């Protein structure tokens, strides 16, 4: 069974930065999987924020391009999300997951709360 443990969230002022981490443990071939970060704001559906392929190609939703950077360390089974120039609209619970085609691979973790004050 694969477990996802996200960390690194917190309260930050607009314009600030945070770096999120997601450790993948259990029966997972982490290096073979595409990974992604998602977020869910109160009252809204979960949305894809950033994606990284097993070969480290990346893509981002338009609203975070130029501000967020996704990366991975296959030696640590960890995916990161560096978030700069944070805006109040980035406030959400952030989750990671493996991605296969259009579906996620694992049960969701507990997520990490990011709150950006104006």
Protein backbone atom coordinates (compact mmCIF):
# COMPACT_ATOMS: atom_id res chain seq x y z
CA UNK A 1 0.00 0.00 0.00
CA UNK A 2 1.33 3.41 -0.97
CA UNK A 3 1.24 6.33 1.42
CA UNK A 4 1.53 10.01 0.49
CA UNK A 5 2.70 12.44 3.17
CA UNK A 6 2.62 16.12 2.30
CA UNK A 7 4.30 18.81 4.39
CA UNK A 8 5.62 22.34 4.23
CA UNK A 9 2.42 24.35 4.23
CA UNK A 10 1.72 27.29 6.49
CA UNK A 11 0.55 30.87 6.78
CA UNK A 12 2.39 33.40 4.64
CA UNK A 13 1.80 36.95 3.49
CA UNK A 14 1.09 37.73 -0.13
CA UNK A 15 4.32 37.81 -2.08
CA UNK A 16 5.93 35.24 0.17
CA UNK A 17 7.25 31.76 -0.58
CA UNK A 18 6.77 28.20 0.61
CA UNK A 19 8.24 24.87 -0.43
CA UNK A 20 6.02 21.82 -0.18
CA UNK A 21 7.29 18.26 0.01
CA UNK A 22 5.54 14.98 -0.63
CA UNK A 23 7.13 11.70 0.40
CA UNK A 24 5.84 8.56 -1.29
CA UNK A 25 6.28 5.36 0.69
CA UNK A 26 5.16 1.80 0.38
CA UNK A 27 4.96 -0.44 -2.64
CA UNK A 28 5.60 2.21 -5.26
CA UNK A 29 8.00 2.45 -8.14
CA UNK A 30 8.29 6.18 -7.63
CA UNK A 31 10.85 6.79 -10.34
CA UNK A 32 8.59 5.15 -12.94
CA UNK A 33 5.60 7.36 -12.17
CA UNK A 34 4.51 10.76 -13.30
CA UNK A 35 3.66 12.89 -10.25
CA UNK A 36 1.50 15.94 -9.69
CA UNK A 37 0.45 18.51 -7.16
CA UNK A 38 -3.22 19.37 -6.72
CA UNK A 39 -5.05 21.85 -4.53
CA UNK A 40 -8.53 22.25 -3.15
CA UNK A 41 -9.86 25.55 -1.89
CA UNK A 42 -12.91 25.72 0.38
CA UNK A 43 -16.09 25.11 -1.56
CA UNK A 44 -14.22 24.27 -4.75
CA UNK A 45 -13.23 21.13 -6.58
CA UNK A 46 -9.72 19.80 -6.42
CA UNK A 47 -7.63 21.10 -9.31
CA UNK A 48 -4.33 20.15 -10.91
CA UNK A 49 -1.58 22.65 -10.17
CA UNK A 50 1.62 21.15 -11.58
CA UNK A 51 2.77 17.90 -13.17
CA UNK A 52 6.18 16.30 -13.57
CA UNK A 53 6.92 13.30 -15.72
CA UNK A 54 9.19 10.44 -14.76
CA UNK A 55 11.70 12.09 -17.08
CA UNK A 56 11.23 15.44 -15.27
CA UNK A 57 9.29 17.24 -17.96
CA UNK A 58 6.92 19.69 -16.30
CA UNK A 59 3.68 21.50 -16.92
CA UNK A 60 1.63 24.01 -14.89
CA UNK A 61 -1.82 25.47 -14.74
CA UNK A 62 -1.83 28.93 -16.24
CA UNK A 63 -2.41 30.79 -12.99
CA UNK A 64 0.81 29.51 -11.39
CA UNK A 65 3.17 29.61 -14.36
CA UNK A 66 6.32 31.56 -13.57
CA UNK A 67 5.62 31.40 -9.83
CA UNK A 68 5.58 27.68 -8.96
CA UNK A 69 8.22 25.06 -9.72
CA UNK A 70 7.70 21.32 -9.40
CA UNK A 71 10.67 19.01 -8.99
CA UNK A 72 11.44 15.49 -7.87
CA UNK A 73 14.20 13.55 -6.13
CA UNK A 74 13.95 9.89 -7.07
CA UNK A 75 16.58 8.95 -4.48
CA UNK A 76 14.24 10.22 -1.74
CA UNK A 77 10.90 9.23 -3.32
CA UNK A 78 9.93 12.87 -2.92
CA UNK A 79 8.25 15.46 -5.09
CA UNK A 80 8.49 19.17 -4.30
CA UNK A 81 6.55 22.31 -5.10
CA UNK A 82 8.39 25.60 -4.73
CA UNK A 83 5.83 28.39 -4.55
CA UNK A 84 6.94 31.99 -4.95
CA UNK A 85 5.03 35.27 -5.22
CA UNK A 86 2.10 33.70 -3.43
CA UNK A 87 -1.33 35.26 -3.79
CA UNK A 88 -4.42 34.99 -1.58
CA UNK A 89 -6.09 32.95 -4.32
CA UNK A 90 -3.41 30.27 -3.82
CA UNK A 91 -4.95 29.50 -0.43
CA UNK A 92 -5.95 25.83 -0.40
CA UNK A 93 -5.07 22.39 0.87
CA UNK A 94 -2.33 21.01 -1.36
CA UNK A 95 -2.03 17.33 -2.23
CA UNK A 96 0.29 15.22 -4.32
CA UNK A 97 -0.43 12.01 -6.20
CA UNK A 98 0.90 9.77 -8.88
CA UNK A 99 -0.66 10.24 -12.28
CA UNK A 100 -1.43 7.64 -14.90
CA UNK A 101 -3.14 9.06 -17.96
CA UNK A 102 -6.08 11.07 -16.67
CA UNK A 103 -6.34 9.30 -13.33
CA UNK A 104 -4.53 9.41 -10.02
CA UNK A 105 -2.74 6.31 -8.85
CA UNK A 106 -3.01 6.31 -5.07
CA UNK A 107 -5.33 7.11 -2.19
CA UNK A 108 -5.08 10.74 -1.19
CA UNK A 109 -2.95 11.80 1.73
CA UNK A 110 -3.93 14.34 4.34
CA UNK A 111 -2.63 17.28 2.34
CA UNK A 112 -0.92 20.38 3.66
CA UNK A 113 -2.71 23.69 4.26
CA UNK A 114 -1.41 26.80 2.54
CA UNK A 115 -2.92 30.10 3.63
CA UNK A 116 -1.90 33.36 1.98
CA UNK A 117 -2.95 36.56 3.70
CA UNK A 118 -3.41 39.82 1.84
